[in-house]
């Protein structure tokens, strides 16, 4: 949320019509944001330091199936929250897509990217993605026992895809792409399906048996990463936009 929000706000500012130099004024929103910031700062100083649950997490870590306490919390102890987070991402993407005009739904997502062949952006779009791909995959795989995981690795992989798209080496998909739609919902569906299977076999909803906890978590994280990569990348690309008019034969 913290990393993506700044990118989305910058993209929204960049898509404002040219010539509209005067920024829109919303005193109520500005006042609400200031008040909320003041409350958070006040709460930071006056709230007593709580002991936390780190001791309980460490005590139950052997039964969680993974060695990383953060992964244990996200994919085992509070798996329901993580499942809802994945669903919220898709809902946010649907909200962005709803801003598009009906006539533009068949167009590619986001503005068309142009990069000068042989330029800096084109070169970065060829050199950086292979390195970023290895780093992202490693972060996902290592997340079971070391710092990392689906959301962290998915963010890196989404940035790699966006860089390739900005360099003109990767074509933005359209909303009608069936493969893209399946990829978006595959992670949450596998996550939910795993929880229902454990419920059917008597362990409880999203309650992983100790003997199979690590394989289940690893599989869920890998599939969830795919959906996170697509969702974050498509959020930044934005809704389908009107395509520029093609000049007729006389103008050519």
C-alpha atoms as a PDB file:
ATOM      1  CA  UNK A   1       0.000   0.000   0.000  1.00  0.00           C
ATOM      2  CA  UNK A   2       2.687   2.527   0.926  1.00  0.00           C
ATOM      3  CA  UNK A   3       4.809   1.844  -2.131  1.00  0.00           C
ATOM      4  CA  UNK A   4       2.024   1.534  -4.685  1.00  0.00           C
ATOM      5  CA  UNK A   5      -0.045   4.529  -3.554  1.00  0.00           C
ATOM      6  CA  UNK A   6       2.688   7.018  -4.460  1.00  0.00           C
ATOM      7  CA  UNK A   7       3.024   5.503  -7.936  1.00  0.00           C
ATOM      8  CA  UNK A   8      -0.732   5.640  -8.495  1.00  0.00           C
ATOM      9  CA  UNK A   9      -0.953   9.267  -7.344  1.00  0.00           C
ATOM     10  CA  UNK A  10       1.949  10.212  -9.619  1.00  0.00           C
ATOM     11  CA  UNK A  11       0.321   8.432 -12.552  1.00  0.00           C
ATOM     12  CA  UNK A  12      -2.989  10.193 -11.880  1.00  0.00           C
ATOM     13  CA  UNK A  13      -1.239  13.575 -11.789  1.00  0.00           C
ATOM     14  CA  UNK A  14       0.571  12.793 -15.029  1.00  0.00           C
ATOM     15  CA  UNK A  15      -2.695  12.020 -16.830  1.00  0.00           C
ATOM     16  CA  UNK A  16      -4.281  15.382 -16.082  1.00  0.00           C
ATOM     17  CA  UNK A  17      -5.111  17.353 -19.223  1.00  0.00           C
ATOM     18  CA  UNK A  18      -2.329  19.553 -20.508  1.00  0.00           C
ATOM     19  CA  UNK A  19      -2.820  23.216 -19.728  1.00  0.00           C
ATOM     20  CA  UNK A  20      -4.646  22.639 -16.425  1.00  0.00           C
ATOM     21  CA  UNK A  21      -1.960  24.189 -14.238  1.00  0.00           C
ATOM     22  CA  UNK A  22      -4.250  24.988 -11.347  1.00  0.00           C
ATOM     23  CA  UNK A  23      -4.493  22.076  -8.946  1.00  0.00           C
ATOM     24  CA  UNK A  24      -7.984  21.160  -7.731  1.00  0.00           C
ATOM     25  CA  UNK A  25      -8.738  22.318  -4.191  1.00  0.00           C
ATOM     26  CA  UNK A  26     -10.557  20.109  -1.725  1.00  0.00           C
ATOM     27  CA  UNK A  27     -10.436  21.806   1.709  1.00  0.00           C
ATOM     28  CA  UNK A  28     -12.497  19.090   3.384  1.00  0.00           C
ATOM     29  CA  UNK A  29     -10.205  16.309   2.197  1.00  0.00           C
ATOM     30  CA  UNK A  30      -7.107  18.288   3.160  1.00  0.00           C
ATOM     31  CA  UNK A  31      -8.516  18.978   6.615  1.00  0.00           C
ATOM     32  CA  UNK A  32      -9.484  15.350   7.134  1.00  0.00           C
ATOM     33  CA  UNK A  33      -6.014  14.160   6.079  1.00  0.00           C
ATOM     34  CA  UNK A  34      -4.355  16.671   8.432  1.00  0.00           C
ATOM     35  CA  UNK A  35      -6.577  15.640  11.334  1.00  0.00           C
ATOM     36  CA  UNK A  36      -5.936  11.949  10.695  1.00  0.00           C
ATOM     37  CA  UNK A  37      -2.189  12.575  10.567  1.00  0.00           C
ATOM     38  CA  UNK A  38      -2.377  14.451  13.870  1.00  0.00           C
ATOM     39  CA  UNK A  39      -4.288  11.608  15.523  1.00  0.00           C
ATOM     40  CA  UNK A  40      -1.736   9.043  14.330  1.00  0.00           C
ATOM     41  CA  UNK A  41       1.179  11.141  15.616  1.00  0.00           C
ATOM     42  CA  UNK A  42      -0.594  11.617  18.964  1.00  0.00           C
ATOM     43  CA  UNK A  43      -1.319   7.881  19.227  1.00  0.00           C
ATOM     44  CA  UNK A  44       2.322   7.082  18.518  1.00  0.00           C
ATOM     45  CA  UNK A  45       3.508   9.045  21.553  1.00  0.00           C
ATOM     46  CA  UNK A  46       0.760   8.305  24.073  1.00  0.00           C
ATOM     47  CA  UNK A  47       0.128   4.597  23.415  1.00  0.00           C
ATOM     48  CA  UNK A  48       2.043   2.440  25.912  1.00  0.00           C
ATOM     49  CA  UNK A  49       4.373  -0.118  24.436  1.00  0.00           C
ATOM     50  CA  UNK A  50       2.674  -3.506  24.335  1.00  0.00           C
ATOM     51  CA  UNK A  51       4.556  -6.762  24.860  1.00  0.00           C
ATOM     52  CA  UNK A  52       3.372  -8.065  21.489  1.00  0.00           C
ATOM     53  CA  UNK A  53       2.908 -11.634  20.382  1.00  0.00           C
ATOM     54  CA  UNK A  54       6.455 -12.355  19.216  1.00  0.00           C
ATOM     55  CA  UNK A  55       7.012 -14.818  22.062  1.00  0.00           C
ATOM     56  CA  UNK A  56       3.846 -16.759  21.205  1.00  0.00           C
ATOM     57  CA  UNK A  57       4.791 -16.792  17.512  1.00  0.00           C
ATOM     58  CA  UNK A  58       8.256 -18.161  18.284  1.00  0.00           C
ATOM     59  CA  UNK A  59       6.837 -20.769  20.631  1.00  0.00           C
ATOM     60  CA  UNK A  60       4.459 -22.158  17.998  1.00  0.00           C
ATOM     61  CA  UNK A  61       6.823 -21.780  15.033  1.00  0.00           C
ATOM     62  CA  UNK A  62       7.755 -25.504  14.851  1.00  0.00           C
ATOM     63  CA  UNK A  63       4.087 -26.350  14.196  1.00  0.00           C
ATOM     64  CA  UNK A  64       3.701 -23.635  11.547  1.00  0.00           C
ATOM     65  CA  UNK A  65       5.744 -25.496   8.949  1.00  0.00           C
ATOM     66  CA  UNK A  66       8.016 -22.552   8.090  1.00  0.00           C
ATOM     67  CA  UNK A  67      11.003 -20.912   9.737  1.00  0.00           C
ATOM     68  CA  UNK A  68      10.155 -17.302   8.917  1.00  0.00           C
ATOM     69  CA  UNK A  69       7.881 -15.909  11.674  1.00  0.00           C
ATOM     70  CA  UNK A  70       6.359 -13.328   9.310  1.00  0.00           C
ATOM     71  CA  UNK A  71       5.388 -16.023   6.810  1.00  0.00           C
ATOM     72  CA  UNK A  72       4.022 -18.122   9.681  1.00  0.00           C
ATOM     73  CA  UNK A  73       1.753 -15.251  10.726  1.00  0.00           C
ATOM     74  CA  UNK A  74       0.608 -14.370   7.206  1.00  0.00           C
ATOM     75  CA  UNK A  75       0.109 -17.869   5.800  1.00  0.00           C
ATOM     76  CA  UNK A  76      -0.769 -19.872   8.892  1.00  0.00           C
ATOM     77  CA  UNK A  77      -1.773 -18.064  12.082  1.00  0.00           C
ATOM     78  CA  UNK A  78      -3.707 -15.308  10.272  1.00  0.00           C
ATOM     79  CA  UNK A  79      -4.192 -16.886   6.848  1.00  0.00           C
ATOM     80  CA  UNK A  80      -7.763 -15.565   6.664  1.00  0.00           C
ATOM     81  CA  UNK A  81      -6.482 -11.962   6.741  1.00  0.00           C
ATOM     82  CA  UNK A  82      -3.968 -12.678   3.982  1.00  0.00           C
ATOM     83  CA  UNK A  83      -6.644 -14.268   1.810  1.00  0.00           C
ATOM     84  CA  UNK A  84      -8.798 -11.164   2.220  1.00  0.00           C
ATOM     85  CA  UNK A  85      -5.828  -8.939   1.333  1.00  0.00           C
ATOM     86  CA  UNK A  86      -5.427 -10.790  -1.965  1.00  0.00           C
ATOM     87  CA  UNK A  87      -9.143 -10.341  -2.687  1.00  0.00           C
ATOM     88  CA  UNK A  88      -8.982  -6.618  -1.801  1.00  0.00           C
ATOM     89  CA  UNK A  89      -6.240  -6.145  -4.401  1.00  0.00           C
ATOM     90  CA  UNK A  90      -8.511  -7.567  -7.103  1.00  0.00           C
ATOM     91  CA  UNK A  91     -11.418  -5.388  -5.934  1.00  0.00           C
ATOM     92  CA  UNK A  92      -9.160  -2.319  -6.142  1.00  0.00           C
ATOM     93  CA  UNK A  93      -8.200  -3.280  -9.695  1.00  0.00           C
ATOM     94  CA  UNK A  94     -11.867  -3.636 -10.649  1.00  0.00           C
ATOM     95  CA  UNK A  95     -12.454  -0.151  -9.234  1.00  0.00           C
ATOM     96  CA  UNK A  96      -9.714   1.243 -11.484  1.00  0.00           C
ATOM     97  CA  UNK A  97     -11.124  -0.541 -14.511  1.00  0.00           C
ATOM     98  CA  UNK A  98     -14.593   0.856 -13.803  1.00  0.00           C
ATOM     99  CA  UNK A  99     -13.220   4.336 -14.559  1.00  0.00           C
ATOM    100  CA  UNK A 100     -12.897   3.390 -18.234  1.00  0.00           C
ATOM    101  CA  UNK A 101     -15.478   4.279 -20.855  1.00  0.00           C
ATOM    102  CA  UNK A 102     -17.498   1.389 -22.231  1.00  0.00           C
ATOM    103  CA  UNK A 103     -16.209   2.124 -25.734  1.00  0.00           C
ATOM    104  CA  UNK A 104     -12.586   1.674 -24.631  1.00  0.00           C
ATOM    105  CA  UNK A 105     -12.874  -1.738 -22.969  1.00  0.00           C
ATOM    106  CA  UNK A 106     -11.398  -3.498 -25.976  1.00  0.00           C
ATOM    107  CA  UNK A 107      -8.251  -1.337 -25.945  1.00  0.00           C
ATOM    108  CA  UNK A 108      -4.944  -2.239 -24.245  1.00  0.00           C
ATOM    109  CA  UNK A 109      -4.567  -1.151 -20.640  1.00  0.00           C
ATOM    110  CA  UNK A 110      -2.819   2.119 -19.875  1.00  0.00           C
ATOM    111  CA  UNK A 111      -1.187   4.592 -22.230  1.00  0.00           C
ATOM    112  CA  UNK A 112       0.850   3.288 -25.126  1.00  0.00           C
ATOM    113  CA  UNK A 113       4.533   3.264 -24.215  1.00  0.00           C
ATOM    114  CA  UNK A 114       7.228   4.516 -26.592  1.00  0.00           C
ATOM    115  CA  UNK A 115      10.972   4.142 -26.054  1.00  0.00           C
ATOM    116  CA  UNK A 116      13.723   5.196 -28.432  1.00  0.00           C
ATOM    117  CA  UNK A 117      15.426   2.096 -29.851  1.00  0.00           C
ATOM    118  CA  UNK A 118      18.911   1.862 -28.402  1.00  0.00           C
ATOM    119  CA  UNK A 119      18.137   4.510 -25.761  1.00  0.00           C
ATOM    120  CA  UNK A 120      18.532   4.291 -21.997  1.00  0.00           C
ATOM    121  CA  UNK A 121      14.999   3.061 -21.308  1.00  0.00           C
ATOM    122  CA  UNK A 122      15.139   0.463 -24.065  1.00  0.00           C
ATOM    123  CA  UNK A 123      18.478  -0.806 -22.787  1.00  0.00           C
ATOM    124  CA  UNK A 124      17.276  -0.976 -19.169  1.00  0.00           C
ATOM    125  CA  UNK A 125      14.199  -2.859 -20.344  1.00  0.00           C
ATOM    126  CA  UNK A 126      16.460  -5.582 -21.738  1.00  0.00           C
ATOM    127  CA  UNK A 127      19.197  -5.735 -19.080  1.00  0.00           C
ATOM    128  CA  UNK A 128      17.359  -5.292 -15.776  1.00  0.00           C
ATOM    129  CA  UNK A 129      14.361  -7.697 -16.130  1.00  0.00           C
ATOM    130  CA  UNK A 130      16.421 -10.944 -16.189  1.00  0.00           C
ATOM    131  CA  UNK A 131      18.225  -9.898 -13.001  1.00  0.00           C
ATOM    132  CA  UNK A 132      14.995  -8.713 -11.370  1.00  0.00           C
ATOM    133  CA  UNK A 133      13.284 -11.953 -12.363  1.00  0.00           C
ATOM    134  CA  UNK A 134      15.892 -14.042 -10.525  1.00  0.00           C
ATOM    135  CA  UNK A 135      15.719 -11.764  -7.473  1.00  0.00           C
ATOM    136  CA  UNK A 136      11.925 -11.868  -7.347  1.00  0.00           C
ATOM    137  CA  UNK A 137      11.760 -15.649  -7.706  1.00  0.00           C
ATOM    138  CA  UNK A 138      14.405 -16.060  -4.995  1.00  0.00           C
ATOM    139  CA  UNK A 139      12.518 -13.765  -2.596  1.00  0.00           C
ATOM    140  CA  UNK A 140       9.355 -15.829  -3.062  1.00  0.00           C
ATOM    141  CA  UNK A 141      11.134 -19.152  -2.649  1.00  0.00           C
ATOM    142  CA  UNK A 142      13.210 -18.074   0.349  1.00  0.00           C
ATOM    143  CA  UNK A 143      10.198 -16.585   2.120  1.00  0.00           C
ATOM    144  CA  UNK A 144       9.360 -19.867   3.846  1.00  0.00           C
ATOM    145  CA  UNK A 145      12.417 -19.728   6.101  1.00  0.00           C
ATOM    146  CA  UNK A 146      14.029 -16.316   5.475  1.00  0.00           C
ATOM    147  CA  UNK A 147      12.785 -12.741   4.943  1.00  0.00           C
ATOM    148  CA  UNK A 148      10.675 -12.673   1.797  1.00  0.00           C
ATOM    149  CA  UNK A 149       7.396 -14.050   0.546  1.00  0.00           C
ATOM    150  CA  UNK A 150       4.678 -13.684  -2.062  1.00  0.00           C
ATOM    151  CA  UNK A 151       3.921  -9.989  -1.580  1.00  0.00           C
ATOM    152  CA  UNK A 152       7.575  -8.927  -1.456  1.00  0.00           C
ATOM    153  CA  UNK A 153       8.643 -11.059  -4.408  1.00  0.00           C
ATOM    154  CA  UNK A 154       5.467 -10.210  -6.315  1.00  0.00           C
ATOM    155  CA  UNK A 155       6.229  -6.504  -5.973  1.00  0.00           C
ATOM    156  CA  UNK A 156       9.712  -7.004  -7.441  1.00  0.00           C
ATOM    157  CA  UNK A 157       8.366  -9.104 -10.309  1.00  0.00           C
ATOM    158  CA  UNK A 158       5.610  -6.560 -11.024  1.00  0.00           C
ATOM    159  CA  UNK A 159       8.221  -3.791 -11.192  1.00  0.00           C
ATOM    160  CA  UNK A 160      10.241  -5.899 -13.632  1.00  0.00           C
ATOM    161  CA  UNK A 161       7.209  -6.334 -15.871  1.00  0.00           C
ATOM    162  CA  UNK A 162       6.360  -2.646 -15.720  1.00  0.00           C
ATOM    163  CA  UNK A 163       9.918  -1.720 -16.699  1.00  0.00           C
ATOM    164  CA  UNK A 164       9.740  -4.035 -19.706  1.00  0.00           C
ATOM    165  CA  UNK A 165       6.381  -2.509 -20.673  1.00  0.00           C
ATOM    166  CA  UNK A 166       7.714   1.063 -20.317  1.00  0.00           C
ATOM    167  CA  UNK A 167      10.646   0.118 -22.534  1.00  0.00           C
ATOM    168  CA  UNK A 168       8.247  -1.137 -25.200  1.00  0.00           C
ATOM    169  CA  UNK A 169       9.354  -4.772 -24.919  1.00  0.00           C
ATOM    170  CA  UNK A 170       6.145  -6.036 -23.320  1.00  0.00           C
ATOM    171  CA  UNK A 171       2.678  -5.398 -24.710  1.00  0.00           C
ATOM    172  CA  UNK A 172       0.026  -4.437 -22.173  1.00  0.00           C
ATOM    173  CA  UNK A 173      -2.882  -6.910 -22.241  1.00  0.00           C
ATOM    174  CA  UNK A 174      -6.537  -6.070 -22.710  1.00  0.00           C
ATOM    175  CA  UNK A 175      -9.276  -6.651 -20.163  1.00  0.00           C
ATOM    176  CA  UNK A 176     -10.767  -9.304 -22.444  1.00  0.00           C
ATOM    177  CA  UNK A 177      -7.673 -11.552 -22.103  1.00  0.00           C
ATOM    178  CA  UNK A 178      -8.867 -14.843 -20.627  1.00  0.00           C
ATOM    179  CA  UNK A 179      -5.362 -15.874 -19.544  1.00  0.00           C
ATOM    180  CA  UNK A 180      -4.976 -12.618 -17.617  1.00  0.00           C
ATOM    181  CA  UNK A 181      -8.342 -13.025 -15.886  1.00  0.00           C
ATOM    182  CA  UNK A 182      -7.508 -16.571 -14.829  1.00  0.00           C
ATOM    183  CA  UNK A 183      -4.134 -15.445 -13.499  1.00  0.00           C
ATOM    184  CA  UNK A 184      -5.742 -12.686 -11.430  1.00  0.00           C
ATOM    185  CA  UNK A 185      -8.088 -15.004  -9.540  1.00  0.00           C
ATOM    186  CA  UNK A 186      -5.950 -18.160  -9.523  1.00  0.00           C
ATOM    187  CA  UNK A 187      -4.028 -17.279  -6.348  1.00  0.00           C
ATOM    188  CA  UNK A 188      -7.047 -16.443  -4.158  1.00  0.00           C
ATOM    189  CA  UNK A 189      -8.945 -19.450  -5.546  1.00  0.00           C
ATOM    190  CA  UNK A 190      -6.117 -21.889  -4.743  1.00  0.00           C
ATOM    191  CA  UNK A 191      -5.767 -20.269  -1.311  1.00  0.00           C
ATOM    192  CA  UNK A 192      -9.495 -20.641  -0.671  1.00  0.00           C
ATOM    193  CA  UNK A 193      -9.524 -24.176  -2.085  1.00  0.00           C
ATOM    194  CA  UNK A 194      -6.731 -25.250   0.260  1.00  0.00           C
ATOM    195  CA  UNK A 195      -8.682 -23.849   3.202  1.00  0.00           C
ATOM    196  CA  UNK A 196     -11.835 -25.693   2.162  1.00  0.00           C
ATOM    197  CA  UNK A 197      -9.924 -28.963   1.774  1.00  0.00           C
ATOM    198  CA  UNK A 198      -8.605 -28.724   5.325  1.00  0.00           C
ATOM    199  CA  UNK A 199     -12.143 -27.987   6.489  1.00  0.00           C
ATOM    200  CA  UNK A 200     -13.513 -31.061   4.690  1.00  0.00           C
ATOM    201  CA  UNK A 201     -10.853 -33.320   6.206  1.00  0.00           C
ATOM    202  CA  UNK A 202     -11.562 -32.086   9.719  1.00  0.00           C
ATOM    203  CA  UNK A 203      -8.582 -29.841  10.439  1.00  0.00           C
ATOM    204  CA  UNK A 204     -10.575 -26.610  10.230  1.00  0.00           C
ATOM    205  CA  UNK A 205     -10.832 -23.849   7.635  1.00  0.00           C
ATOM    206  CA  UNK A 206      -7.342 -22.598   6.673  1.00  0.00           C
ATOM    207  CA  UNK A 207      -5.851 -24.760   9.434  1.00  0.00           C
ATOM    208  CA  UNK A 208      -2.856 -26.560   7.949  1.00  0.00           C
ATOM    209  CA  UNK A 209      -1.959 -30.006   9.336  1.00  0.00           C
ATOM    210  CA  UNK A 210       1.526 -29.900  10.863  1.00  0.00           C
ATOM    211  CA  UNK A 211       2.858 -32.638   8.578  1.00  0.00           C
ATOM    212  CA  UNK A 212       1.749 -30.827   5.406  1.00  0.00           C
ATOM    213  CA  UNK A 213       1.939 -27.199   6.493  1.00  0.00           C
ATOM    214  CA  UNK A 214       5.131 -26.277   4.625  1.00  0.00           C
ATOM    215  CA  UNK A 215       4.161 -27.814   1.226  1.00  0.00           C
ATOM    216  CA  UNK A 216       0.747 -26.173   1.412  1.00  0.00           C
ATOM    217  CA  UNK A 217       2.220 -22.771   2.295  1.00  0.00           C
ATOM    218  CA  UNK A 218       4.852 -22.979  -0.459  1.00  0.00           C
ATOM    219  CA  UNK A 219       2.277 -23.915  -3.113  1.00  0.00           C
ATOM    220  CA  UNK A 220      -0.129 -21.192  -1.960  1.00  0.00           C
ATOM    221  CA  UNK A 221       2.655 -18.583  -1.980  1.00  0.00           C
ATOM    222  CA  UNK A 222       3.836 -19.512  -5.482  1.00  0.00           C
ATOM    223  CA  UNK A 223       0.344 -19.337  -6.991  1.00  0.00           C
ATOM    224  CA  UNK A 224      -0.537 -16.246  -4.969  1.00  0.00           C
ATOM    225  CA  UNK A 225       2.594 -14.537  -6.312  1.00  0.00           C
ATOM    226  CA  UNK A 226       1.295 -14.855  -9.867  1.00  0.00           C
ATOM    227  CA  UNK A 227      -1.951 -13.077  -8.978  1.00  0.00           C
ATOM    228  CA  UNK A 228      -0.096 -10.392  -6.998  1.00  0.00           C
ATOM    229  CA  UNK A 229       2.272  -9.702  -9.908  1.00  0.00           C
ATOM    230  CA  UNK A 230      -0.613  -9.281 -12.345  1.00  0.00           C
ATOM    231  CA  UNK A 231      -2.737  -7.209  -9.968  1.00  0.00           C
ATOM    232  CA  UNK A 232      -0.001  -4.754  -8.965  1.00  0.00           C
ATOM    233  CA  UNK A 233       1.217  -4.339 -12.540  1.00  0.00           C
ATOM    234  CA  UNK A 234      -2.284  -3.790 -13.909  1.00  0.00           C
ATOM    235  CA  UNK A 235      -3.093  -1.297 -11.139  1.00  0.00           C
ATOM    236  CA  UNK A 236      -0.166   0.844 -12.249  1.00  0.00           C
ATOM    237  CA  UNK A 237      -1.046   0.517 -15.947  1.00  0.00           C
ATOM    238  CA  UNK A 238      -4.568   1.722 -15.169  1.00  0.00           C
ATOM    239  CA  UNK A 239      -7.768   1.444 -17.128  1.00  0.00           C
ATOM    240  CA  UNK A 240      -8.007   1.097 -20.940  1.00  0.00           C
ATOM    241  CA  UNK A 241      -7.708   4.516 -22.566  1.00  0.00           C
ATOM    242  CA  UNK A 242      -9.004   5.931 -25.861  1.00  0.00           C
ATOM    243  CA  UNK A 243      -6.641   5.152 -28.695  1.00  0.00           C
ATOM    244  CA  UNK A 244      -5.285   8.114 -30.697  1.00  0.00           C
ATOM    245  CA  UNK A 245      -7.074   8.648 -33.973  1.00  0.00           C
ATOM    246  CA  UNK A 246      -5.245   7.312 -37.007  1.00  0.00           C
ATOM    247  CA  UNK A 247      -4.665   9.866 -39.797  1.00  0.00           C
ATOM    248  CA  UNK A 248      -6.554   9.194 -43.001  1.00  0.00           C
ATOM    249  CA  UNK A 249      -4.884   8.706 -46.379  1.00  0.00           C
ATOM    250  CA  UNK A 250      -5.124  12.391 -47.257  1.00  0.00           C
ATOM    251  CA  UNK A 251      -3.372  13.491 -44.060  1.00  0.00           C
ATOM    252  CA  UNK A 252      -0.661  10.894 -44.571  1.00  0.00           C
END
